[in-house]
PDB file of all heavy atoms in Angstrom:
ATOM      1  N   ASP A   1       0.813  -1.211   0.000  1.00  0.00           N
ATOM      2  CA  ASP A   1       0.000   0.000   0.000  1.00  0.00           C
ATOM      3  C   ASP A   1       0.850   1.266   0.000  1.00  0.00           C
ATOM      4  O   ASP A   1       0.513   2.245  -0.661  1.00  0.00           O
ATOM      5  CB  ASP A   1      -0.961   0.009   1.196  1.00  0.00           C
ATOM      6  CG  ASP A   1      -2.067  -1.021   1.058  1.00  0.00           C
ATOM      7  OD1 ASP A   1      -2.362  -1.441  -0.080  1.00  0.00           O
ATOM      8  OD2 ASP A   1      -2.643  -1.405   2.096  1.00  0.00           O
ATOM      9  N   GLU A   2       1.957   1.223   0.736  1.00  0.00           N
ATOM     10  CA  GLU A   2       2.857   2.379   0.755  1.00  0.00           C
ATOM     11  C   GLU A   2       3.513   2.587  -0.614  1.00  0.00           C
ATOM     12  O   GLU A   2       3.607   3.714  -1.109  1.00  0.00           O
ATOM     13  CB  GLU A   2       3.931   2.209   1.835  1.00  0.00           C
ATOM     14  CG  GLU A   2       3.388   2.284   3.244  1.00  0.00           C
ATOM     15  CD  GLU A   2       4.385   1.821   4.293  1.00  0.00           C
ATOM     16  OE1 GLU A   2       5.350   1.094   3.954  1.00  0.00           O
ATOM     17  OE2 GLU A   2       4.194   2.183   5.462  1.00  0.00           O
ATOM     18  N   LEU A   3       3.935   1.484  -1.212  1.00  0.00           N
ATOM     19  CA  LEU A   3       4.540   1.572  -2.542  1.00  0.00           C
ATOM     20  C   LEU A   3       3.538   2.085  -3.565  1.00  0.00           C
ATOM     21  O   LEU A   3       3.865   2.908  -4.423  1.00  0.00           O
ATOM     22  CB  LEU A   3       5.079   0.210  -2.976  1.00  0.00           C
ATOM     23  CG  LEU A   3       6.322  -0.277  -2.258  1.00  0.00           C
ATOM     24  CD1 LEU A   3       6.625  -1.715  -2.648  1.00  0.00           C
ATOM     25  CD2 LEU A   3       7.495   0.628  -2.582  1.00  0.00           C
ATOM     26  N   LEU A   4       2.310   1.587  -3.481  1.00  0.00           N
ATOM     27  CA  LEU A   4       1.275   2.037  -4.408  1.00  0.00           C
ATOM     28  C   LEU A   4       1.016   3.531  -4.251  1.00  0.00           C
ATOM     29  O   LEU A   4       0.938   4.262  -5.242  1.00  0.00           O
ATOM     30  CB  LEU A   4      -0.020   1.247  -4.191  1.00  0.00           C
ATOM     31  CG  LEU A   4      -1.202   1.661  -5.072  1.00  0.00           C
ATOM     32  CD1 LEU A   4      -0.871   1.493  -6.548  1.00  0.00           C
ATOM     33  CD2 LEU A   4      -2.436   0.866  -4.695  1.00  0.00           C
ATOM     34  N   ALA A   5       0.914   3.989  -3.024  1.00  0.00           N
ATOM     35  CA  ALA A   5       0.681   5.416  -2.779  1.00  0.00           C
ATOM     36  C   ALA A   5       1.816   6.251  -3.362  1.00  0.00           C
ATOM     37  O   ALA A   5       1.567   7.297  -3.976  1.00  0.00           O
ATOM     38  CB  ALA A   5       0.535   5.674  -1.279  1.00  0.00           C
ATOM     39  N   GLN A   6       3.043   5.789  -3.202  1.00  0.00           N
ATOM     40  CA  GLN A   6       4.184   6.509  -3.768  1.00  0.00           C
ATOM     41  C   GLN A   6       4.139   6.491  -5.292  1.00  0.00           C
ATOM     42  O   GLN A   6       4.387   7.505  -5.942  1.00  0.00           O
ATOM     43  CB  GLN A   6       5.495   5.903  -3.281  1.00  0.00           C
ATOM     44  CG  GLN A   6       5.779   6.133  -1.818  1.00  0.00           C
ATOM     45  CD  GLN A   6       7.040   5.410  -1.360  1.00  0.00           C
ATOM     46  OE1 GLN A   6       7.828   4.933  -2.160  1.00  0.00           O
ATOM     47  NE2 GLN A   6       7.215   5.333  -0.049  1.00  0.00           N
ATOM     48  N   ALA A   7       3.822   5.345  -5.854  1.00  0.00           N
ATOM     49  CA  ALA A   7       3.781   5.214  -7.311  1.00  0.00           C
ATOM     50  C   ALA A   7       2.706   6.113  -7.916  1.00  0.00           C
ATOM     51  O   ALA A   7       2.909   6.710  -8.972  1.00  0.00           O
ATOM     52  CB  ALA A   7       3.529   3.757  -7.705  1.00  0.00           C
ATOM     53  N   LEU A   8       1.571   6.229  -7.232  1.00  0.00           N
ATOM     54  CA  LEU A   8       0.478   7.055  -7.758  1.00  0.00           C
ATOM     55  C   LEU A   8       0.809   8.537  -7.743  1.00  0.00           C
ATOM     56  O   LEU A   8       0.149   9.331  -8.431  1.00  0.00           O
ATOM     57  CB  LEU A   8      -0.813   6.775  -6.984  1.00  0.00           C
ATOM     58  CG  LEU A   8      -1.410   5.393  -7.217  1.00  0.00           C
ATOM     59  CD1 LEU A   8      -2.598   5.165  -6.298  1.00  0.00           C
ATOM     60  CD2 LEU A   8      -1.789   5.192  -8.672  1.00  0.00           C
ATOM     61  N   ARG A   9       1.814   8.922  -7.002  1.00  0.00           N
ATOM     62  CA  ARG A   9       2.246  10.324  -6.984  1.00  0.00           C
ATOM     63  C   ARG A   9       3.219  10.648  -8.114  1.00  0.00           C
ATOM     64  O   ARG A   9       3.552  11.799  -8.337  1.00  0.00           O
ATOM     65  CB  ARG A   9       2.876  10.673  -5.630  1.00  0.00           C
ATOM     66  CG  ARG A   9       1.837  10.767  -4.504  1.00  0.00           C
ATOM     67  CD  ARG A   9       2.411  11.403  -3.246  1.00  0.00           C
ATOM     68  NE  ARG A   9       3.462  10.614  -2.620  1.00  0.00           N
ATOM     69  CZ  ARG A   9       3.279   9.684  -1.681  1.00  0.00           C
ATOM     70  NH1 ARG A   9       2.056   9.438  -1.235  1.00  0.00           N
ATOM     71  NH2 ARG A   9       4.293   9.029  -1.166  1.00  0.00           N
ATOM     72  N   LEU A  10       3.667   9.622  -8.839  1.00  0.00           N
ATOM     73  CA  LEU A  10       4.583   9.839  -9.952  1.00  0.00           C
ATOM     74  C   LEU A  10       3.856  10.475 -11.132  1.00  0.00           C
ATOM     75  O   LEU A  10       2.640  10.366 -11.270  1.00  0.00           O
ATOM     76  CB  LEU A  10       5.174   8.500 -10.415  1.00  0.00           C
ATOM     77  CG  LEU A  10       6.084   7.766  -9.438  1.00  0.00           C
ATOM     78  CD1 LEU A  10       6.396   6.376  -9.975  1.00  0.00           C
ATOM     79  CD2 LEU A  10       7.354   8.556  -9.189  1.00  0.00           C
ATOM     80  N   ALA A  11       4.629  11.098 -12.000  1.00  0.00           N
ATOM     81  CA  ALA A  11       4.082  11.643 -13.247  1.00  0.00           C
ATOM     82  C   ALA A  11       3.552  10.483 -14.093  1.00  0.00           C
ATOM     83  O   ALA A  11       4.048   9.352 -13.981  1.00  0.00           O
ATOM     84  CB  ALA A  11       5.172  12.393 -13.997  1.00  0.00           C
ATOM     85  N   PRO A  12       2.556  10.722 -14.935  1.00  0.00           N
ATOM     86  CA  PRO A  12       1.983   9.641 -15.751  1.00  0.00           C
ATOM     87  C   PRO A  12       3.026   8.846 -16.541  1.00  0.00           C
ATOM     88  O   PRO A  12       2.944   7.620 -16.600  1.00  0.00           O
ATOM     89  CB  PRO A  12       1.021  10.376 -16.682  1.00  0.00           C
ATOM     90  CG  PRO A  12       0.618  11.593 -15.915  1.00  0.00           C
ATOM     91  CD  PRO A  12       1.850  11.982 -15.139  1.00  0.00           C
ATOM     92  N   GLU A  13       3.999   9.534 -17.123  1.00  0.00           N
ATOM     93  CA  GLU A  13       5.023   8.831 -17.906  1.00  0.00           C
ATOM     94  C   GLU A  13       5.841   7.891 -17.021  1.00  0.00           C
ATOM     95  O   GLU A  13       6.181   6.785 -17.421  1.00  0.00           O
ATOM     96  CB  GLU A  13       5.962   9.826 -18.595  1.00  0.00           C
ATOM     97  CG  GLU A  13       5.276  10.776 -19.542  1.00  0.00           C
ATOM     98  CD  GLU A  13       4.672  11.994 -18.844  1.00  0.00           C
ATOM     99  OE1 GLU A  13       5.087  12.320 -17.705  1.00  0.00           O
ATOM    100  OE2 GLU A  13       3.774  12.606 -19.432  1.00  0.00           O
ATOM    101  N   ASP A  14       6.147   8.350 -15.810  1.00  0.00           N
ATOM    102  CA  ASP A  14       6.917   7.513 -14.884  1.00  0.00           C
ATOM    103  C   ASP A  14       6.098   6.329 -14.390  1.00  0.00           C
ATOM    104  O   ASP A  14       6.624   5.230 -14.209  1.00  0.00           O
ATOM    105  CB  ASP A  14       7.415   8.339 -13.702  1.00  0.00           C
ATOM    106  CG  ASP A  14       8.468   9.364 -14.111  1.00  0.00           C
ATOM    107  OD1 ASP A  14       9.187   9.115 -15.106  1.00  0.00           O
ATOM    108  OD2 ASP A  14       8.570  10.408 -13.450  1.00  0.00           O
ATOM    109  N   ARG A  15       4.796   6.537 -14.168  1.00  0.00           N
ATOM    110  CA  ARG A  15       3.923   5.418 -13.766  1.00  0.00           C
ATOM    111  C   ARG A  15       3.857   4.378 -14.871  1.00  0.00           C
ATOM    112  O   ARG A  15       3.906   3.172 -14.607  1.00  0.00           O
ATOM    113  CB  ARG A  15       2.526   5.925 -13.407  1.00  0.00           C
ATOM    114  CG  ARG A  15       2.465   6.674 -12.110  1.00  0.00           C
ATOM    115  CD  ARG A  15       1.062   6.848 -11.566  1.00  0.00           C
ATOM    116  NE  ARG A  15       0.052   7.216 -12.524  1.00  0.00           N
ATOM    117  CZ  ARG A  15      -0.323   8.477 -12.792  1.00  0.00           C
ATOM    118  NH1 ARG A  15       0.250   9.480 -12.166  1.00  0.00           N
ATOM    119  NH2 ARG A  15      -1.266   8.714 -13.672  1.00  0.00           N
ATOM    120  N   ALA A  16       3.754   4.852 -16.114  1.00  0.00           N
ATOM    121  CA  ALA A  16       3.697   3.918 -17.249  1.00  0.00           C
ATOM    122  C   ALA A  16       4.987   3.115 -17.348  1.00  0.00           C
ATOM    123  O   ALA A  16       4.960   1.894 -17.545  1.00  0.00           O
ATOM    124  CB  ALA A  16       3.438   4.681 -18.544  1.00  0.00           C
ATOM    125  N   ARG A  17       6.119   3.786 -17.187  1.00  0.00           N
ATOM    126  CA  ARG A  17       7.406   3.102 -17.252  1.00  0.00           C
ATOM    127  C   ARG A  17       7.523   2.084 -16.119  1.00  0.00           C
ATOM    128  O   ARG A  17       7.968   0.953 -16.314  1.00  0.00           O
ATOM    129  CB  ARG A  17       8.546   4.119 -17.177  1.00  0.00           C
ATOM    130  CG  ARG A  17       9.911   3.503 -17.448  1.00  0.00           C
ATOM    131  CD  ARG A  17      11.038   4.524 -17.480  1.00  0.00           C
ATOM    132  NE  ARG A  17      10.752   5.636 -18.357  1.00  0.00           N
ATOM    133  CZ  ARG A  17      10.643   6.909 -17.948  1.00  0.00           C
ATOM    134  NH1 ARG A  17      10.828   7.219 -16.686  1.00  0.00           N
ATOM    135  NH2 ARG A  17      10.378   7.875 -18.803  1.00  0.00           N
ATOM    136  N   LEU A  18       7.099   2.468 -14.921  1.00  0.00           N
ATOM    137  CA  LEU A  18       7.144   1.569 -13.776  1.00  0.00           C
ATOM    138  C   LEU A  18       6.245   0.349 -14.013  1.00  0.00           C
ATOM    139  O   LEU A  18       6.653  -0.791 -13.760  1.00  0.00           O
ATOM    140  CB  LEU A  18       6.724   2.295 -12.492  1.00  0.00           C
ATOM    141  CG  LEU A  18       6.645   1.455 -11.226  1.00  0.00           C
ATOM    142  CD1 LEU A  18       8.000   0.849 -10.890  1.00  0.00           C
ATOM    143  CD2 LEU A  18       6.133   2.302 -10.066  1.00  0.00           C
ATOM    144  N   ALA A  19       5.043   0.591 -14.510  1.00  0.00           N
ATOM    145  CA  ALA A  19       4.119  -0.511 -14.781  1.00  0.00           C
ATOM    146  C   ALA A  19       4.722  -1.470 -15.800  1.00  0.00           C
ATOM    147  O   ALA A  19       4.661  -2.701 -15.636  1.00  0.00           O
ATOM    148  CB  ALA A  19       2.783   0.031 -15.280  1.00  0.00           C
ATOM    149  N   HIS A  20       5.320  -0.921 -16.833  1.00  0.00           N
ATOM    150  CA  HIS A  20       5.948  -1.756 -17.867  1.00  0.00           C
ATOM    151  C   HIS A  20       7.073  -2.601 -17.266  1.00  0.00           C
ATOM    152  O   HIS A  20       7.163  -3.805 -17.521  1.00  0.00           O
ATOM    153  CB  HIS A  20       6.477  -0.865 -18.990  1.00  0.00           C
ATOM    154  CG  HIS A  20       7.134  -1.617 -20.092  1.00  0.00           C
ATOM    155  ND1 HIS A  20       6.427  -2.343 -21.022  1.00  0.00           N
ATOM    156  CD2 HIS A  20       8.444  -1.779 -20.404  1.00  0.00           C
ATOM    157  CE1 HIS A  20       7.267  -2.915 -21.847  1.00  0.00           C
ATOM    158  NE2 HIS A  20       8.501  -2.578 -21.498  1.00  0.00           N
ATOM    159  N   GLU A  21       7.905  -1.974 -16.457  1.00  0.00           N
ATOM    160  CA  GLU A  21       9.023  -2.699 -15.850  1.00  0.00           C
ATOM    161  C   GLU A  21       8.538  -3.779 -14.883  1.00  0.00           C
ATOM    162  O   GLU A  21       9.108  -4.879 -14.827  1.00  0.00           O
ATOM    163  CB  GLU A  21       9.963  -1.727 -15.151  1.00  0.00           C
ATOM    164  CG  GLU A  21      10.727  -0.844 -16.129  1.00  0.00           C
ATOM    165  CD  GLU A  21      11.564   0.232 -15.452  1.00  0.00           C
ATOM    166  OE1 GLU A  21      11.699   0.224 -14.211  1.00  0.00           O
ATOM    167  OE2 GLU A  21      12.085   1.093 -16.186  1.00  0.00           O
ATOM    168  N   LEU A  22       7.471  -3.487 -14.142  1.00  0.00           N
ATOM    169  CA  LEU A  22       6.922  -4.497 -13.232  1.00  0.00           C
ATOM    170  C   LEU A  22       6.358  -5.679 -14.015  1.00  0.00           C
ATOM    171  O   LEU A  22       6.584  -6.843 -13.651  1.00  0.00           O
ATOM    172  CB  LEU A  22       5.844  -3.882 -12.333  1.00  0.00           C
ATOM    173  CG  LEU A  22       6.353  -2.962 -11.229  1.00  0.00           C
ATOM    174  CD1 LEU A  22       5.186  -2.228 -10.574  1.00  0.00           C
ATOM    175  CD2 LEU A  22       7.150  -3.743 -10.204  1.00  0.00           C
ATOM    176  N   LEU A  23       5.637  -5.402 -15.089  1.00  0.00           N
ATOM    177  CA  LEU A  23       5.100  -6.488 -15.907  1.00  0.00           C
ATOM    178  C   LEU A  23       6.212  -7.310 -16.540  1.00  0.00           C
ATOM    179  O   LEU A  23       6.140  -8.538 -16.581  1.00  0.00           O
ATOM    180  CB  LEU A  23       4.171  -5.928 -16.986  1.00  0.00           C
ATOM    181  CG  LEU A  23       2.825  -5.417 -16.484  1.00  0.00           C
ATOM    182  CD1 LEU A  23       2.071  -4.712 -17.604  1.00  0.00           C
ATOM    183  CD2 LEU A  23       1.997  -6.544 -15.898  1.00  0.00           C
ATOM    184  N   ASP A  24       7.242  -6.631 -17.017  1.00  0.00           N
ATOM    185  CA  ASP A  24       8.383  -7.349 -17.593  1.00  0.00           C
ATOM    186  C   ASP A  24       9.047  -8.259 -16.573  1.00  0.00           C
ATOM    187  O   ASP A  24       9.575  -9.318 -16.924  1.00  0.00           O
ATOM    188  CB  ASP A  24       9.422  -6.370 -18.146  1.00  0.00           C
ATOM    189  CG  ASP A  24       9.085  -5.878 -19.533  1.00  0.00           C
ATOM    190  OD1 ASP A  24       8.145  -6.410 -20.155  1.00  0.00           O
ATOM    191  OD2 ASP A  24       9.776  -4.948 -20.003  1.00  0.00           O
ATOM    192  N   SER A  25       9.019  -7.857 -15.308  1.00  0.00           N
ATOM    193  CA  SER A  25       9.685  -8.654 -14.277  1.00  0.00           C
ATOM    194  C   SER A  25       8.951  -9.957 -13.973  1.00  0.00           C
ATOM    195  O   SER A  25       9.506 -10.834 -13.318  1.00  0.00           O
ATOM    196  CB  SER A  25       9.816  -7.833 -12.990  1.00  0.00           C
ATOM    197  OG  SER A  25       8.568  -7.728 -12.313  1.00  0.00           O
TER     198      SER A  25
END
């Protein structure tokens, strides 16, 4: 939940990049 809250504060481009990297993992 803490990680999600931090991730949601990122810029849209950074969230997209993070989501892509998580899926790739």
